[in-house]
Amino acid sequence: MARKAHTFTKFDDELNSIHTHIMEMGVLVNSQFNQSLFALFESKPVVAKQVVDQDFSVNQLEVMIDRLCFTAIARQQPAASDLQSIIIASKVVIYLEHIGDEAKNIALIAERLAYGNGLPRRRYVEVSVTSELAQHKLTEVIESYSKLDKTIALKLMDTEELINKESNVVSNCLLKSMTEDPRTISTSLEILFVAKALEHVGSHIKNIAKLIVDASDRYSQI
C-alpha cells in the first residue's frame, strides 16, 4: 500500500509539473501572438523582431515538456487513463507550438510591411476584426486548459468556423482592392497571408478545445 501511495504522489507531482510548464508555454505563446499583431497594426519592426526571437523560447519549452512527458511514462508506467492524460497534454503542446509559428509568420510580415510602403490604415480594418476574435479565443482556450473547464471549451468549438468566416470577408475586400488598384497587390497579398495565419490559429484553438473536453470527461470518470 505504501508503495502505491508513493508512486501516486510522484506521478501526481510529475503531472503537475507538466501542467505548469504547459501553462507557461500558453502564456508565452499568447503574448507572442498579441505582440505580433501589435507589431503589424502599429508598424513596429522592433517588436516584430522580438516576437521572432521569442520563437526559440517557445521551442525550448516544447522540448522540455516532451521530455517531462516521456520521463513520466518511463518511470511510472501509468494506467491507461493517466497515459491518455499525458498524451493529451503532449498534443496541446504541439498545437501551442503551431500557434507560436503563426505568430512568428505574422511578425515577419509585420517587419516587411513596416519597412515598405504598407497599406493605408483603413485597409487593416477588416483583418483587425479577425485578429481580435482570434486573440479573444486564444486567451479563453488557455484559461480553459488551466482549469480543464469543459464549459468554456465547448463554447470554443465554433472558433475555426467563426474565424474562417471573418477571414473570407478580409479576402473579398482585399481582392476588390487589388482589382481596383493594382499598386496594392503586393501589400494586400501580405495581409491575405495574415488572414490565412489567423485561420490556422483558429483551427489550433478548436483542436485544443477538443482535447480539453476529452481530458475533462476522463477526469470526471475517475
Protein backbone atom coordinates (compact mmCIF):
# COMPACT_ATOMS: atom_id res chain seq x y z
CA MET A 1 0.00 0.00 0.00
CA ALA A 2 2.86 2.36 0.90
CA ARG A 3 4.46 1.75 -2.50
CA LYS A 4 1.22 2.62 -4.25
CA ALA A 5 0.89 5.88 -2.32
CA HIS A 6 4.50 6.81 -3.10
CA THR A 7 4.04 6.07 -6.80
CA PHE A 8 0.83 8.07 -6.99
CA THR A 9 2.38 11.06 -5.23
CA LYS A 10 5.43 11.05 -7.50
CA PHE A 11 3.34 10.68 -10.62
CA ASP A 12 0.95 13.39 -9.46
CA ASP A 13 3.91 15.72 -8.99
CA GLU A 14 5.12 14.96 -12.49
CA LEU A 15 1.67 15.63 -13.97
CA ASN A 16 1.51 18.93 -12.08
CA SER A 17 4.93 19.87 -13.45
CA ILE A 18 3.79 19.11 -17.00
CA HIS A 19 0.65 21.19 -16.48
CA THR A 20 2.62 24.11 -15.04
CA HIS A 21 5.05 24.18 -17.95
CA ILE A 22 2.22 23.95 -20.49
CA MET A 23 0.60 26.96 -18.83
CA GLU A 24 3.93 28.80 -19.02
CA MET A 25 4.10 27.94 -22.71
CA GLY A 26 0.49 29.03 -23.22
CA VAL A 27 1.12 32.42 -21.61
CA LEU A 28 4.26 32.91 -23.73
CA VAL A 29 2.50 31.94 -26.97
CA ASN A 30 -0.44 34.18 -26.14
CA SER A 31 1.93 37.11 -25.58
CA GLN A 32 3.82 36.27 -28.76
CA PHE A 33 0.60 36.23 -30.76
CA ASN A 34 -0.67 39.51 -29.30
CA GLN A 35 2.67 41.22 -29.86
CA SER A 36 2.85 40.04 -33.46
CA LEU A 37 -0.49 41.70 -34.18
CA PHE A 38 0.55 44.85 -32.30
CA ALA A 39 3.67 45.00 -34.47
CA LEU A 40 1.51 44.61 -37.57
CA PHE A 41 -1.11 47.23 -36.79
CA GLU A 42 1.25 49.78 -35.25
CA SER A 43 4.13 49.24 -37.72
CA LYS A 44 6.65 48.27 -35.03
CA PRO A 45 9.51 46.32 -36.66
CA VAL A 46 11.47 46.15 -33.39
CA VAL A 47 8.53 44.44 -31.66
CA ALA A 48 8.16 42.12 -34.64
CA LYS A 49 11.83 41.13 -34.30
CA GLN A 50 11.29 40.39 -30.59
CA VAL A 51 8.39 38.08 -31.48
CA VAL A 52 10.56 36.21 -33.97
CA ASP A 53 13.28 35.83 -31.34
CA GLN A 54 10.74 34.51 -28.81
CA ASP A 55 10.16 31.51 -31.03
CA PHE A 56 13.35 29.97 -29.64
CA SER A 57 11.93 30.10 -26.08
CA VAL A 58 8.67 28.51 -27.23
CA ASN A 59 10.56 25.69 -28.92
CA GLN A 60 12.71 25.16 -25.83
CA LEU A 61 9.59 24.80 -23.68
CA GLU A 62 8.16 22.30 -26.15
CA VAL A 63 11.31 20.18 -25.89
CA MET A 64 11.27 20.41 -22.08
CA ILE A 65 7.62 19.36 -21.82
CA ASP A 66 8.13 16.49 -24.24
CA ARG A 67 10.98 15.29 -22.04
CA LEU A 68 8.81 15.55 -18.92
CA CYS A 69 6.05 13.54 -20.61
CA PHE A 70 8.47 10.84 -21.73
CA THR A 71 10.05 10.65 -18.27
CA ALA A 72 6.66 10.36 -16.54
CA ILE A 73 5.68 7.47 -18.78
CA ALA A 74 9.04 5.69 -18.50
CA ARG A 75 9.32 5.98 -14.71
CA GLN A 76 5.76 5.47 -13.58
CA GLN A 77 4.28 3.13 -16.21
CA PRO A 78 0.90 4.86 -15.77
CA ALA A 79 -2.50 3.25 -16.10
CA ALA A 80 -4.37 3.73 -19.37
CA SER A 81 -6.34 6.78 -18.17
CA ASP A 82 -3.21 8.52 -16.86
CA LEU A 83 -1.31 7.66 -20.00
CA GLN A 84 -4.06 9.24 -22.05
CA SER A 85 -3.82 12.40 -19.95
CA ILE A 86 -0.14 12.68 -20.80
CA ILE A 87 -0.85 12.09 -24.48
CA ILE A 88 -3.49 14.84 -24.41
CA ALA A 89 -1.00 17.20 -22.76
CA SER A 90 1.62 16.46 -25.41
CA LYS A 91 -0.91 17.21 -28.17
CA VAL A 92 -1.82 20.53 -26.54
CA VAL A 93 1.87 21.42 -26.64
CA ILE A 94 2.03 20.66 -30.35
CA TYR A 95 -0.90 22.98 -31.10
CA LEU A 96 0.54 25.75 -28.94
CA GLU A 97 3.83 25.45 -30.81
CA HIS A 98 1.94 25.73 -34.12
CA ILE A 99 0.22 28.91 -32.88
CA GLY A 100 3.65 30.26 -31.96
CA ASP A 101 4.79 29.52 -35.51
CA GLU A 102 1.85 31.50 -36.90
CA ALA A 103 2.69 34.40 -34.57
CA LYS A 104 6.23 34.36 -35.94
CA ASN A 105 4.90 34.35 -39.51
CA ILE A 106 2.70 37.36 -38.77
CA ALA A 107 5.67 39.13 -37.15
CA LEU A 108 7.79 38.55 -40.25
CA ILE A 109 5.02 40.06 -42.38
CA ALA A 110 4.81 42.99 -39.95
CA GLU A 111 8.54 43.59 -40.42
CA ARG A 112 8.25 43.61 -44.19
CA LEU A 113 5.25 45.94 -44.19
CA ALA A 114 6.84 48.29 -41.65
CA TYR A 115 9.89 48.74 -43.87
CA GLY A 116 7.76 49.05 -47.02
CA ASN A 117 5.04 51.46 -48.03
CA GLY A 118 2.33 49.33 -46.45
CA LEU A 119 -1.39 49.67 -46.94
CA PRO A 120 -3.40 52.72 -45.95
CA ARG A 121 -4.51 52.34 -42.33
CA ARG A 122 -8.15 51.79 -43.37
CA ARG A 123 -7.21 48.59 -45.20
CA TYR A 124 -6.36 46.96 -41.87
CA VAL A 125 -9.89 47.32 -40.53
CA GLU A 126 -11.21 44.00 -41.83
CA VAL A 127 -8.26 41.89 -40.66
CA SER A 128 -8.26 43.64 -37.29
CA VAL A 129 -11.74 42.25 -36.60
CA THR A 130 -10.49 38.74 -37.39
CA SER A 131 -7.39 39.19 -35.27
CA GLU A 132 -9.32 40.48 -32.26
CA LEU A 133 -11.57 37.42 -32.46
CA ALA A 134 -8.55 35.11 -32.59
CA GLN A 135 -6.88 36.91 -29.67
CA HIS A 136 -10.00 36.58 -27.54
CA LYS A 137 -10.46 32.89 -28.35
CA LEU A 138 -6.79 32.08 -27.67
CA THR A 139 -6.97 33.72 -24.25
CA GLU A 140 -10.13 31.76 -23.49
CA VAL A 141 -8.73 28.40 -24.52
CA ILE A 142 -5.63 28.89 -22.36
CA GLU A 143 -7.87 29.81 -19.43
CA SER A 144 -9.99 26.76 -20.13
CA TYR A 145 -6.93 24.49 -20.12
CA SER A 146 -5.68 25.95 -16.84
CA LYS A 147 -8.84 24.71 -15.10
CA LEU A 148 -9.82 21.92 -17.51
CA ASP A 149 -13.05 23.89 -17.88
CA LYS A 150 -15.27 21.88 -20.21
CA THR A 151 -17.93 24.61 -20.31
CA ILE A 152 -15.55 27.18 -21.78
CA ALA A 153 -14.00 24.60 -24.11
CA LEU A 154 -17.38 23.64 -25.57
CA LYS A 155 -18.07 27.30 -26.36
CA LEU A 156 -14.83 27.40 -28.35
CA MET A 157 -15.76 24.56 -30.68
CA ASP A 158 -17.01 27.00 -33.31
CA THR A 159 -13.83 29.11 -33.25
CA GLU A 160 -12.47 27.80 -36.53
CA GLU A 161 -15.76 28.45 -38.32
CA LEU A 162 -16.09 31.99 -36.91
CA ILE A 163 -12.54 32.99 -37.80
CA ASN A 164 -12.80 31.48 -41.28
CA LYS A 165 -15.98 33.47 -41.86
CA GLU A 166 -14.27 36.72 -40.89
CA SER A 167 -11.20 35.77 -42.92
CA ASN A 168 -13.35 35.35 -46.02
CA VAL A 169 -14.59 38.91 -45.56
CA VAL A 170 -10.98 40.08 -45.44
CA SER A 171 -10.12 38.13 -48.59
CA ASN A 172 -13.06 39.56 -50.54
CA CYS A 173 -12.22 43.13 -49.51
CA LEU A 174 -8.55 42.75 -50.41
CA LEU A 175 -9.31 41.10 -53.74
CA LYS A 176 -11.58 44.02 -54.58
CA SER A 177 -8.84 46.45 -53.56
CA MET A 178 -6.25 44.71 -55.74
CA THR A 179 -8.63 44.74 -58.70
CA GLU A 180 -9.36 48.44 -58.32
CA ASP A 181 -5.78 49.46 -57.63
CA PRO A 182 -3.01 47.07 -58.77
CA ARG A 183 -0.48 49.11 -56.76
CA THR A 184 -1.86 47.47 -53.61
CA ILE A 185 -1.30 43.90 -54.82
CA SER A 186 1.99 43.29 -53.00
CA THR A 187 0.88 44.55 -49.61
CA SER A 188 -2.64 43.14 -49.98
CA LEU A 189 -1.13 39.69 -50.51
CA GLU A 190 0.79 40.10 -47.27
CA ILE A 191 -2.45 40.81 -45.40
CA LEU A 192 -4.04 37.80 -47.08
CA PHE A 193 -1.21 35.71 -45.62
CA VAL A 194 -2.02 37.18 -42.20
CA ALA A 195 -5.67 36.18 -42.65
CA LYS A 196 -4.58 32.66 -43.56
CA ALA A 197 -2.36 32.53 -40.46
CA LEU A 198 -5.35 33.56 -38.33
CA GLU A 199 -7.38 30.73 -39.88
CA HIS A 200 -4.68 28.29 -38.82
CA VAL A 201 -4.71 29.71 -35.30
CA GLY A 202 -8.48 29.23 -35.19
CA SER A 203 -8.07 25.60 -36.19
CA HIS A 204 -5.45 25.01 -33.49
CA ILE A 205 -7.65 26.67 -30.84
CA LYS A 206 -10.53 24.39 -31.79
CA ASN A 207 -8.27 21.33 -31.56
CA ILE A 208 -7.05 22.35 -28.11
CA ALA A 209 -10.67 22.85 -27.02
CA LYS A 210 -11.49 19.32 -28.17
CA LEU A 211 -8.60 17.94 -26.13
CA ILE A 212 -9.78 19.85 -23.05
CA VAL A 213 -13.26 18.35 -23.40
CA ASP A 214 -11.72 14.89 -23.75
CA ALA A 215 -9.46 15.40 -20.72
CA SER A 216 -12.34 16.78 -18.64
CA ASP A 217 -14.51 13.78 -19.47
CA ARG A 218 -11.74 11.39 -18.47
CA TYR A 219 -11.17 13.07 -15.11
CA SER A 220 -14.89 13.05 -14.39
CA GLN A 221 -14.91 9.26 -14.82
CA ILE A 222 -12.16 8.74 -12.22
